[in-house]
Amino acid sequence: MVREYGCDMRGMLSFQILWLVSKKPMHGEQIAEEIRKRRGEKPKAGTIYPALKEMSSRKLIKGRKSGKTITYSITPAGEKAVSQAITYFVRSFGDIFKSA
């Protein structure tokens, strides 16, 4: 796991969640739907919510509860982590896109 970049780059789920909430606050179902649009398959709640809980415990995102819904937004630490993860991703995979 690549902890110094704020998320697990192996599966990229944490990175994708962090990136999505850096664009706008979202609740779990919205995050799952956005991932479905990009991947073609909607992640299960048992995949999304543990990742959200882990990122919340690491203070990368914060949740705001309204009724039964928790809306997640990025924290300053999360902003730094997503920026570092993007740099890492581009450095590691950027040449793949140039050759396409």
PDB file of N, CA and C in Angstrom:
ATOM      1  N   MET A   1       0.845  -1.175   0.000  1.00  0.00           N
ATOM      2  CA  MET A   1       0.000   0.000   0.000  1.00  0.00           C
ATOM      3  C   MET A   1       0.892   1.241   0.000  1.00  0.00           C
ATOM      4  N   VAL A   2       0.467   2.253  -0.704  1.00  0.00           N
ATOM      5  CA  VAL A   2       1.244   3.476  -0.829  1.00  0.00           C
ATOM      6  C   VAL A   2       0.647   4.515   0.119  1.00  0.00           C
ATOM      7  N   ARG A   3       0.989   4.422   1.369  1.00  0.00           N
ATOM      8  CA  ARG A   3       0.415   5.295   2.395  1.00  0.00           C
ATOM      9  C   ARG A   3       0.826   6.748   2.229  1.00  0.00           C
ATOM     10  N   GLU A   4       2.065   7.005   1.790  1.00  0.00           N
ATOM     11  CA  GLU A   4       2.502   8.386   1.708  1.00  0.00           C
ATOM     12  C   GLU A   4       1.697   9.192   0.695  1.00  0.00           C
ATOM     13  N   TYR A   5       0.957   8.539  -0.176  1.00  0.00           N
ATOM     14  CA  TYR A   5       0.128   9.254  -1.142  1.00  0.00           C
ATOM     15  C   TYR A   5      -1.328   9.338  -0.689  1.00  0.00           C
ATOM     16  N   GLY A   6      -1.596   8.890   0.521  1.00  0.00           N
ATOM     17  CA  GLY A   6      -2.920   9.079   1.086  1.00  0.00           C
ATOM     18  C   GLY A   6      -3.935   8.026   0.709  1.00  0.00           C
ATOM     19  N   CYS A   7      -3.550   7.092  -0.156  1.00  0.00           N
ATOM     20  CA  CYS A   7      -4.520   6.082  -0.544  1.00  0.00           C
ATOM     21  C   CYS A   7      -3.807   4.868  -1.121  1.00  0.00           C
ATOM     22  N   ASP A   8      -4.525   3.798  -1.207  1.00  0.00           N
ATOM     23  CA  ASP A   8      -4.021   2.545  -1.743  1.00  0.00           C
ATOM     24  C   ASP A   8      -4.076   2.605  -3.263  1.00  0.00           C
ATOM     25  N   MET A   9      -2.929   2.743  -3.898  1.00  0.00           N
ATOM     26  CA  MET A   9      -2.894   2.872  -5.346  1.00  0.00           C
ATOM     27  C   MET A   9      -3.084   1.528  -6.049  1.00  0.00           C
ATOM     28  N   ARG A  10      -3.000   0.403  -5.321  1.00  0.00           N
ATOM     29  CA  ARG A  10      -3.153  -0.902  -5.970  1.00  0.00           C
ATOM     30  C   ARG A  10      -4.545  -1.054  -6.557  1.00  0.00           C
ATOM     31  N   GLY A  11      -5.552  -0.871  -5.766  1.00  0.00           N
ATOM     32  CA  GLY A  11      -6.910  -1.010  -6.257  1.00  0.00           C
ATOM     33  C   GLY A  11      -7.480   0.304  -6.772  1.00  0.00           C
ATOM     34  N   MET A  12      -6.897   1.374  -6.364  1.00  0.00           N
ATOM     35  CA  MET A  12      -7.250   2.726  -6.767  1.00  0.00           C
ATOM     36  C   MET A  12      -8.616   3.191  -6.293  1.00  0.00           C
ATOM     37  N   LEU A  13      -9.331   2.392  -5.529  1.00  0.00           N
ATOM     38  CA  LEU A  13     -10.642   2.815  -5.035  1.00  0.00           C
ATOM     39  C   LEU A  13     -10.516   4.041  -4.133  1.00  0.00           C
ATOM     40  N   SER A  14      -9.578   4.000  -3.198  1.00  0.00           N
ATOM     41  CA  SER A  14      -9.411   5.139  -2.289  1.00  0.00           C
ATOM     42  C   SER A  14      -9.059   6.396  -3.055  1.00  0.00           C
ATOM     43  N   PHE A  15      -8.175   6.270  -4.022  1.00  0.00           N
ATOM     44  CA  PHE A  15      -7.805   7.417  -4.843  1.00  0.00           C
ATOM     45  C   PHE A  15      -9.025   7.960  -5.574  1.00  0.00           C
ATOM     46  N   GLN A  16      -9.814   7.080  -6.151  1.00  0.00           N
ATOM     47  CA  GLN A  16     -10.983   7.521  -6.902  1.00  0.00           C
ATOM     48  C   GLN A  16     -11.993   8.213  -5.989  1.00  0.00           C
ATOM     49  N   ILE A  17     -12.232   7.656  -4.827  1.00  0.00           N
ATOM     50  CA  ILE A  17     -13.151   8.283  -3.865  1.00  0.00           C
ATOM     51  C   ILE A  17     -12.625   9.649  -3.452  1.00  0.00           C
ATOM     52  N   LEU A  18     -11.353   9.712  -3.109  1.00  0.00           N
ATOM     53  CA  LEU A  18     -10.760  10.966  -2.670  1.00  0.00           C
ATOM     54  C   LEU A  18     -10.845  12.014  -3.771  1.00  0.00           C
ATOM     55  N   TRP A  19     -10.574  11.617  -4.994  1.00  0.00           N
ATOM     56  CA  TRP A  19     -10.644  12.542  -6.119  1.00  0.00           C
ATOM     57  C   TRP A  19     -12.073  13.044  -6.312  1.00  0.00           C
ATOM     58  N   LEU A  20     -13.047  12.136  -6.240  1.00  0.00           N
ATOM     59  CA  LEU A  20     -14.447  12.521  -6.423  1.00  0.00           C
ATOM     60  C   LEU A  20     -14.896  13.530  -5.376  1.00  0.00           C
ATOM     61  N   VAL A  21     -14.586  13.269  -4.102  1.00  0.00           N
ATOM     62  CA  VAL A  21     -15.034  14.208  -3.061  1.00  0.00           C
ATOM     63  C   VAL A  21     -14.208  15.481  -3.062  1.00  0.00           C
ATOM     64  N   SER A  22     -13.062  15.475  -3.753  1.00  0.00           N
ATOM     65  CA  SER A  22     -12.315  16.733  -3.888  1.00  0.00           C
ATOM     66  C   SER A  22     -13.019  17.665  -4.871  1.00  0.00           C
ATOM     67  N   LYS A  23     -13.849  17.112  -5.746  1.00  0.00           N
ATOM     68  CA  LYS A  23     -14.590  17.905  -6.721  1.00  0.00           C
ATOM     69  C   LYS A  23     -15.861  18.495  -6.127  1.00  0.00           C
ATOM     70  N   LYS A  24     -16.535  17.702  -5.286  1.00  0.00           N
ATOM     71  CA  LYS A  24     -17.736  18.182  -4.604  1.00  0.00           C
ATOM     72  C   LYS A  24     -18.110  17.199  -3.503  1.00  0.00           C
ATOM     73  N   PRO A  25     -18.731  17.673  -2.426  1.00  0.00           N
ATOM     74  CA  PRO A  25     -19.180  16.767  -1.370  1.00  0.00           C
ATOM     75  C   PRO A  25     -20.200  15.766  -1.927  1.00  0.00           C
ATOM     76  N   MET A  26     -20.114  14.531  -1.467  1.00  0.00           N
ATOM     77  CA  MET A  26     -21.010  13.467  -1.942  1.00  0.00           C
ATOM     78  C   MET A  26     -21.301  12.492  -0.815  1.00  0.00           C
ATOM     79  N   HIS A  27     -22.458  11.834  -0.920  1.00  0.00           N
ATOM     80  CA  HIS A  27     -22.742  10.748   0.010  1.00  0.00           C
ATOM     81  C   HIS A  27     -22.357   9.430  -0.675  1.00  0.00           C
ATOM     82  N   GLY A  28     -22.362   8.354   0.083  1.00  0.00           N
ATOM     83  CA  GLY A  28     -21.870   7.069  -0.404  1.00  0.00           C
ATOM     84  C   GLY A  28     -22.519   6.597  -1.695  1.00  0.00           C
ATOM     85  N   GLU A  29     -23.827   6.740  -1.811  1.00  0.00           N
ATOM     86  CA  GLU A  29     -24.526   6.290  -3.020  1.00  0.00           C
ATOM     87  C   GLU A  29     -24.099   7.110  -4.240  1.00  0.00           C
ATOM     88  N   GLN A  30     -23.903   8.410  -4.049  1.00  0.00           N
ATOM     89  CA  GLN A  30     -23.432   9.254  -5.157  1.00  0.00           C
ATOM     90  C   GLN A  30     -22.020   8.835  -5.594  1.00  0.00           C
ATOM     91  N   ILE A  31     -21.180   8.552  -4.632  1.00  0.00           N
ATOM     92  CA  ILE A  31     -19.818   8.108  -4.943  1.00  0.00           C
ATOM     93  C   ILE A  31     -19.862   6.799  -5.729  1.00  0.00           C
ATOM     94  N   ALA A  32     -20.659   5.849  -5.255  1.00  0.00           N
ATOM     95  CA  ALA A  32     -20.780   4.561  -5.943  1.00  0.00           C
ATOM     96  C   ALA A  32     -21.287   4.741  -7.372  1.00  0.00           C
ATOM     97  N   GLU A  33     -22.234   5.629  -7.564  1.00  0.00           N
ATOM     98  CA  GLU A  33     -22.796   5.878  -8.898  1.00  0.00           C
ATOM     99  C   GLU A  33     -21.755   6.517  -9.821  1.00  0.00           C
ATOM    100  N   GLU A  34     -20.991   7.457  -9.313  1.00  0.00           N
ATOM    101  CA  GLU A  34     -19.937   8.083 -10.115  1.00  0.00           C
ATOM    102  C   GLU A  34     -18.878   7.052 -10.520  1.00  0.00           C
ATOM    103  N   ILE A  35     -18.536   6.169  -9.604  1.00  0.00           N
ATOM    104  CA  ILE A  35     -17.570   5.115  -9.927  1.00  0.00           C
ATOM    105  C   ILE A  35     -18.157   4.176 -10.973  1.00  0.00           C
ATOM    106  N   ARG A  36     -19.446   3.867 -10.875  1.00  0.00           N
ATOM    107  CA  ARG A  36     -20.093   3.021 -11.874  1.00  0.00           C
ATOM    108  C   ARG A  36     -19.996   3.640 -13.267  1.00  0.00           C
ATOM    109  N   LYS A  37     -20.205   4.936 -13.347  1.00  0.00           N
ATOM    110  CA  LYS A  37     -20.115   5.624 -14.638  1.00  0.00           C
ATOM    111  C   LYS A  37     -18.736   5.475 -15.257  1.00  0.00           C
ATOM    112  N   ARG A  38     -17.710   5.478 -14.418  1.00  0.00           N
ATOM    113  CA  ARG A  38     -16.336   5.413 -14.912  1.00  0.00           C
ATOM    114  C   ARG A  38     -15.857   3.992 -15.147  1.00  0.00           C
ATOM    115  N   ARG A  39     -16.240   3.070 -14.282  1.00  0.00           N
ATOM    116  CA  ARG A  39     -15.746   1.693 -14.373  1.00  0.00           C
ATOM    117  C   ARG A  39     -16.700   0.742 -15.097  1.00  0.00           C
ATOM    118  N   GLY A  40     -17.969   1.149 -15.163  1.00  0.00           N
ATOM    119  CA  GLY A  40     -18.950   0.265 -15.775  1.00  0.00           C
ATOM    120  C   GLY A  40     -19.590  -0.697 -14.791  1.00  0.00           C
ATOM    121  N   GLU A  41     -19.114  -0.710 -13.580  1.00  0.00           N
ATOM    122  CA  GLU A  41     -19.657  -1.586 -12.544  1.00  0.00           C
ATOM    123  C   GLU A  41     -19.714  -0.808 -11.234  1.00  0.00           C
ATOM    124  N   LYS A  42     -20.857  -0.899 -10.575  1.00  0.00           N
ATOM    125  CA  LYS A  42     -21.054  -0.167  -9.319  1.00  0.00           C
ATOM    126  C   LYS A  42     -20.462  -0.968  -8.169  1.00  0.00           C
ATOM    127  N   PRO A  43     -19.577  -0.356  -7.386  1.00  0.00           N
ATOM    128  CA  PRO A  43     -19.031  -1.062  -6.225  1.00  0.00           C
ATOM    129  C   PRO A  43     -20.111  -1.292  -5.174  1.00  0.00           C
ATOM    130  N   LYS A  44     -19.971  -2.349  -4.456  1.00  0.00           N
ATOM    131  CA  LYS A  44     -20.932  -2.701  -3.415  1.00  0.00           C
ATOM    132  C   LYS A  44     -20.702  -1.840  -2.164  1.00  0.00           C
ATOM    133  N   ALA A  45     -21.745  -1.712  -1.381  1.00  0.00           N
ATOM    134  CA  ALA A  45     -21.655  -0.935  -0.132  1.00  0.00           C
ATOM    135  C   ALA A  45     -20.543  -1.474   0.760  1.00  0.00           C
ATOM    136  N   GLY A  46     -20.345  -2.786   0.756  1.00  0.00           N
ATOM    137  CA  GLY A  46     -19.295  -3.411   1.559  1.00  0.00           C
ATOM    138  C   GLY A  46     -17.895  -3.070   1.095  1.00  0.00           C
ATOM    139  N   THR A  47     -17.796  -2.440  -0.051  1.00  0.00           N
ATOM    140  CA  THR A  47     -16.510  -1.968  -0.566  1.00  0.00           C
ATOM    141  C   THR A  47     -16.354  -0.474  -0.304  1.00  0.00           C
ATOM    142  N   ILE A  48     -17.392   0.290  -0.607  1.00  0.00           N
ATOM    143  CA  ILE A  48     -17.342   1.753  -0.480  1.00  0.00           C
ATOM    144  C   ILE A  48     -17.242   2.204   0.977  1.00  0.00           C
ATOM    145  N   TYR A  49     -18.131   1.713   1.837  1.00  0.00           N
ATOM    146  CA  TYR A  49     -18.206   2.260   3.190  1.00  0.00           C
ATOM    147  C   TYR A  49     -16.986   1.959   4.056  1.00  0.00           C
ATOM    148  N   PRO A  50     -16.372   0.782   3.952  1.00  0.00           N
ATOM    149  CA  PRO A  50     -15.117   0.594   4.699  1.00  0.00           C
ATOM    150  C   PRO A  50     -14.013   1.557   4.233  1.00  0.00           C
ATOM    151  N   ALA A  51     -13.956   1.830   2.930  1.00  0.00           N
ATOM    152  CA  ALA A  51     -12.959   2.776   2.422  1.00  0.00           C
ATOM    153  C   ALA A  51     -13.246   4.179   2.961  1.00  0.00           C
ATOM    154  N   LEU A  52     -14.519   4.584   2.966  1.00  0.00           N
ATOM    155  CA  LEU A  52     -14.886   5.889   3.519  1.00  0.00           C
ATOM    156  C   LEU A  52     -14.532   5.978   5.006  1.00  0.00           C
ATOM    157  N   LYS A  53     -14.811   4.910   5.738  1.00  0.00           N
ATOM    158  CA  LYS A  53     -14.507   4.887   7.171  1.00  0.00           C
ATOM    159  C   LYS A  53     -13.003   5.006   7.408  1.00  0.00           C
ATOM    160  N   GLU A  54     -12.223   4.289   6.618  1.00  0.00           N
ATOM    161  CA  GLU A  54     -10.770   4.319   6.773  1.00  0.00           C
ATOM    162  C   GLU A  54     -10.219   5.706   6.444  1.00  0.00           C
ATOM    163  N   MET A  55     -10.711   6.308   5.371  1.00  0.00           N
ATOM    164  CA  MET A  55     -10.244   7.643   5.001  1.00  0.00           C
ATOM    165  C   MET A  55     -10.694   8.688   6.023  1.00  0.00           C
ATOM    166  N   SER A  56     -11.874   8.500   6.595  1.00  0.00           N
ATOM    167  CA  SER A  56     -12.341   9.406   7.665  1.00  0.00           C
ATOM    168  C   SER A  56     -11.451   9.286   8.891  1.00  0.00           C
ATOM    169  N   SER A  57     -11.094   8.066   9.253  1.00  0.00           N
ATOM    170  CA  SER A  57     -10.248   7.864  10.438  1.00  0.00           C
ATOM    171  C   SER A  57      -8.857   8.454  10.239  1.00  0.00           C
ATOM    172  N   ARG A  58      -8.413   8.550   8.983  1.00  0.00           N
ATOM    173  CA  ARG A  58      -7.113   9.142   8.666  1.00  0.00           C
ATOM    174  C   ARG A  58      -7.223  10.642   8.412  1.00  0.00           C
ATOM    175  N   LYS A  59      -8.434  11.180   8.589  1.00  0.00           N
ATOM    176  CA  LYS A  59      -8.695  12.623   8.462  1.00  0.00           C
ATOM    177  C   LYS A  59      -8.464  13.154   7.038  1.00  0.00           C
ATOM    178  N   LEU A  60      -8.658  12.285   6.033  1.00  0.00           N
ATOM    179  CA  LEU A  60      -8.546  12.711   4.639  1.00  0.00           C
ATOM    180  C   LEU A  60      -9.880  13.269   4.147  1.00  0.00           C
ATOM    181  N   ILE A  61     -10.966  12.766   4.731  1.00  0.00           N
ATOM    182  CA  ILE A  61     -12.310  13.245   4.434  1.00  0.00           C
ATOM    183  C   ILE A  61     -13.045  13.405   5.754  1.00  0.00           C
ATOM    184  N   LYS A  62     -14.137  14.149   5.715  1.00  0.00           N
ATOM    185  CA  LYS A  62     -14.977  14.264   6.909  1.00  0.00           C
ATOM    186  C   LYS A  62     -16.420  14.095   6.474  1.00  0.00           C
ATOM    187  N   GLY A  63     -17.207  13.517   7.358  1.00  0.00           N
ATOM    188  CA  GLY A  63     -18.611  13.291   7.064  1.00  0.00           C
ATOM    189  C   GLY A  63     -19.494  14.239   7.844  1.00  0.00           C
ATOM    190  N   ARG A  64     -20.566  14.656   7.200  1.00  0.00           N
ATOM    191  CA  ARG A  64     -21.570  15.506   7.849  1.00  0.00           C
ATOM    192  C   ARG A  64     -22.904  14.792   7.719  1.00  0.00           C
ATOM    193  N   LYS A  65     -23.471  14.455   8.861  1.00  0.00           N
ATOM    194  CA  LYS A  65     -24.703  13.676   8.879  1.00  0.00           C
ATOM    195  C   LYS A  65     -25.926  14.568   8.817  1.00  0.00           C
ATOM    196  N   SER A  66     -26.864  14.186   7.948  1.00  0.00           N
ATOM    197  CA  SER A  66     -28.148  14.863   7.840  1.00  0.00           C
ATOM    198  C   SER A  66     -29.195  13.760   7.729  1.00  0.00           C
ATOM    199  N   GLY A  67     -29.929  13.535   8.803  1.00  0.00           N
ATOM    200  CA  GLY A  67     -30.846  12.401   8.839  1.00  0.00           C
ATOM    201  C   GLY A  67     -30.044  11.111   8.828  1.00  0.00           C
ATOM    202  N   LYS A  68     -30.331  10.231   7.880  1.00  0.00           N
ATOM    203  CA  LYS A  68     -29.591   8.977   7.763  1.00  0.00           C
ATOM    204  C   LYS A  68     -28.433   9.070   6.772  1.00  0.00           C
ATOM    205  N   THR A  69     -28.295  10.211   6.114  1.00  0.00           N
ATOM    206  CA  THR A  69     -27.293  10.372   5.069  1.00  0.00           C
ATOM    207  C   THR A  69     -26.060  11.098   5.590  1.00  0.00           C
ATOM    208  N   ILE A  70     -24.895  10.549   5.264  1.00  0.00           N
ATOM    209  CA  ILE A  70     -23.629  11.201   5.591  1.00  0.00           C
ATOM    210  C   ILE A  70     -23.021  11.694   4.283  1.00  0.00           C
ATOM    211  N   THR A  71     -22.784  12.985   4.209  1.00  0.00           N
ATOM    212  CA  THR A  71     -22.148  13.585   3.038  1.00  0.00           C
ATOM    213  C   THR A  71     -20.684  13.826   3.367  1.00  0.00           C
ATOM    214  N   TYR A  72     -19.822  13.336   2.492  1.00  0.00           N
ATOM    215  CA  TYR A  72     -18.386  13.410   2.716  1.00  0.00           C
ATOM    216  C   TYR A  72     -17.771  14.547   1.909  1.00  0.00           C
ATOM    217  N   SER A  73     -16.824  15.235   2.531  1.00  0.00           N
ATOM    218  CA  SER A  73     -16.063  16.277   1.844  1.00  0.00           C
ATOM    219  C   SER A  73     -14.592  16.084   2.187  1.00  0.00           C
ATOM    220  N   ILE A  74     -13.759  16.683   1.381  1.00  0.00           N
ATOM    221  CA  ILE A  74     -12.320  16.521   1.559  1.00  0.00           C
ATOM    222  C   ILE A  74     -11.812  17.495   2.621  1.00  0.00           C
ATOM    223  N   THR A  75     -10.778  17.089   3.327  1.00  0.00           N
ATOM    224  CA  THR A  75     -10.132  17.927   4.337  1.00  0.00           C
ATOM    225  C   THR A  75      -8.846  18.494   3.734  1.00  0.00           C
ATOM    226  N   PRO A  76      -8.206  19.435   4.420  1.00  0.00           N
ATOM    227  CA  PRO A  76      -6.906  19.912   3.923  1.00  0.00           C
ATOM    228  C   PRO A  76      -5.888  18.768   3.764  1.00  0.00           C
ATOM    229  N   ALA A  77      -5.879  17.831   4.698  1.00  0.00           N
ATOM    230  CA  ALA A  77      -4.973  16.675   4.574  1.00  0.00           C
ATOM    231  C   ALA A  77      -5.342  15.835   3.350  1.00  0.00           C
ATOM    232  N   GLY A  78      -6.640  15.726   3.081  1.00  0.00           N
ATOM    233  CA  GLY A  78      -7.098  14.994   1.900  1.00  0.00           C
ATOM    234  C   GLY A  78      -6.709  15.695   0.616  1.00  0.00           C
ATOM    235  N   GLU A  79      -6.779  17.029   0.610  1.00  0.00           N
ATOM    236  CA  GLU A  79      -6.359  17.809  -0.570  1.00  0.00           C
ATOM    237  C   GLU A  79      -4.889  17.548  -0.871  1.00  0.00           C
ATOM    238  N   LYS A  80      -4.084  17.544   0.172  1.00  0.00           N
ATOM    239  CA  LYS A  80      -2.651  17.280  -0.004  1.00  0.00           C
ATOM    240  C   LYS A  80      -2.438  15.857  -0.509  1.00  0.00           C
ATOM    241  N   ALA A  81      -3.162  14.911   0.064  1.00  0.00           N
ATOM    242  CA  ALA A  81      -3.021  13.510  -0.333  1.00  0.00           C
ATOM    243  C   ALA A  81      -3.439  13.289  -1.779  1.00  0.00           C
ATOM    244  N   VAL A  82      -4.538  13.890  -2.217  1.00  0.00           N
ATOM    245  CA  VAL A  82      -4.988  13.695  -3.594  1.00  0.00           C
ATOM    246  C   VAL A  82      -3.998  14.347  -4.557  1.00  0.00           C
ATOM    247  N   SER A  83      -3.447  15.476  -4.200  1.00  0.00           N
ATOM    248  CA  SER A  83      -2.446  16.126  -5.040  1.00  0.00           C
ATOM    249  C   SER A  83      -1.202  15.242  -5.185  1.00  0.00           C
ATOM    250  N   GLN A  84      -0.752  14.673  -4.079  1.00  0.00           N
ATOM    251  CA  GLN A  84       0.408  13.781  -4.119  1.00  0.00           C
ATOM    252  C   GLN A  84       0.102  12.518  -4.922  1.00  0.00           C
ATOM    253  N   ALA A  85      -1.101  11.991  -4.775  1.00  0.00           N
ATOM    254  CA  ALA A  85      -1.489  10.778  -5.499  1.00  0.00           C
ATOM    255  C   ALA A  85      -1.557  11.045  -7.005  1.00  0.00           C
ATOM    256  N   ILE A  86      -2.066  12.202  -7.398  1.00  0.00           N
ATOM    257  CA  ILE A  86      -2.121  12.555  -8.822  1.00  0.00           C
ATOM    258  C   ILE A  86      -0.707  12.656  -9.386  1.00  0.00           C
ATOM    259  N   THR A  87       0.184  13.307  -8.653  1.00  0.00           N
ATOM    260  CA  THR A  87       1.584  13.415  -9.094  1.00  0.00           C
ATOM    261  C   THR A  87       2.190  12.024  -9.266  1.00  0.00           C
ATOM    262  N   TYR A  88       1.962  11.158  -8.283  1.00  0.00           N
ATOM    263  CA  TYR A  88       2.464   9.789  -8.347  1.00  0.00           C
ATOM    264  C   TYR A  88       1.879   9.051  -9.554  1.00  0.00           C
ATOM    265  N   PHE A  89       0.582   9.175  -9.758  1.00  0.00           N
ATOM    266  CA  PHE A  89      -0.090   8.493 -10.853  1.00  0.00           C
ATOM    267  C   PHE A  89       0.473   8.956 -12.204  1.00  0.00           C
ATOM    268  N   VAL A  90       0.610  10.256 -12.390  1.00  0.00           N
ATOM    269  CA  VAL A  90       1.122  10.801 -13.650  1.00  0.00           C
ATOM    270  C   VAL A  90       2.566  10.340 -13.877  1.00  0.00           C
ATOM    271  N   ARG A  91       3.371  10.392 -12.828  1.00  0.00           N
ATOM    272  CA  ARG A  91       4.764   9.956 -12.947  1.00  0.00           C
ATOM    273  C   ARG A  91       4.836   8.467 -13.292  1.00  0.00           C
ATOM    274  N   SER A  92       3.970   7.674 -12.702  1.00  0.00           N
ATOM    275  CA  SER A  92       4.002   6.224 -12.911  1.00  0.00           C
ATOM    276  C   SER A  92       3.357   5.779 -14.215  1.00  0.00           C
ATOM    277  N   PHE A  93       2.281   6.470 -14.626  1.00  0.00           N
ATOM    278  CA  PHE A  93       1.490   5.972 -15.752  1.00  0.00           C
ATOM    279  C   PHE A  93       1.300   6.969 -16.893  1.00  0.00           C
ATOM    280  N   GLY A  94       1.800   8.176 -16.755  1.00  0.00           N
ATOM    281  CA  GLY A  94       1.585   9.216 -17.750  1.00  0.00           C
ATOM    282  C   GLY A  94       2.013   8.831 -19.158  1.00  0.00           C
ATOM    283  N   ASP A  95       3.122   8.097 -19.264  1.00  0.00           N
ATOM    284  CA  ASP A  95       3.606   7.723 -20.592  1.00  0.00           C
ATOM    285  C   ASP A  95       2.679   6.736 -21.299  1.00  0.00           C
ATOM    286  N   ILE A  96       1.856   6.032 -20.552  1.00  0.00           N
ATOM    287  CA  ILE A  96       0.877   5.124 -21.160  1.00  0.00           C
ATOM    288  C   ILE A  96      -0.082   5.912 -22.026  1.00  0.00           C
ATOM    289  N   PHE A  97      -0.509   7.072 -21.555  1.00  0.00           N
ATOM    290  CA  PHE A  97      -1.485   7.883 -22.275  1.00  0.00           C
ATOM    291  C   PHE A  97      -0.866   8.600 -23.476  1.00  0.00           C
ATOM    292  N   LYS A  98       0.419   8.897 -23.410  1.00  0.00           N
ATOM    293  CA  LYS A  98       1.106   9.546 -24.508  1.00  0.00           C
ATOM    294  C   LYS A  98       1.250   8.616 -25.706  1.00  0.00           C
ATOM    295  N   SER A  99       1.351   7.319 -25.460  1.00  0.00           N
ATOM    296  CA  SER A  99       1.548   6.365 -26.548  1.00  0.00           C
ATOM    297  C   SER A  99       0.238   5.892 -27.164  1.00  0.00           C
ATOM    298  N   ALA A 100      -0.880   6.251 -26.544  1.00  0.00           N
ATOM    299  CA  ALA A 100      -2.179   5.777 -27.039  1.00  0.00           C
ATOM    300  C   ALA A 100      -2.644   6.534 -28.260  1.00  0.00           C
TER     301      ALA A 100
END
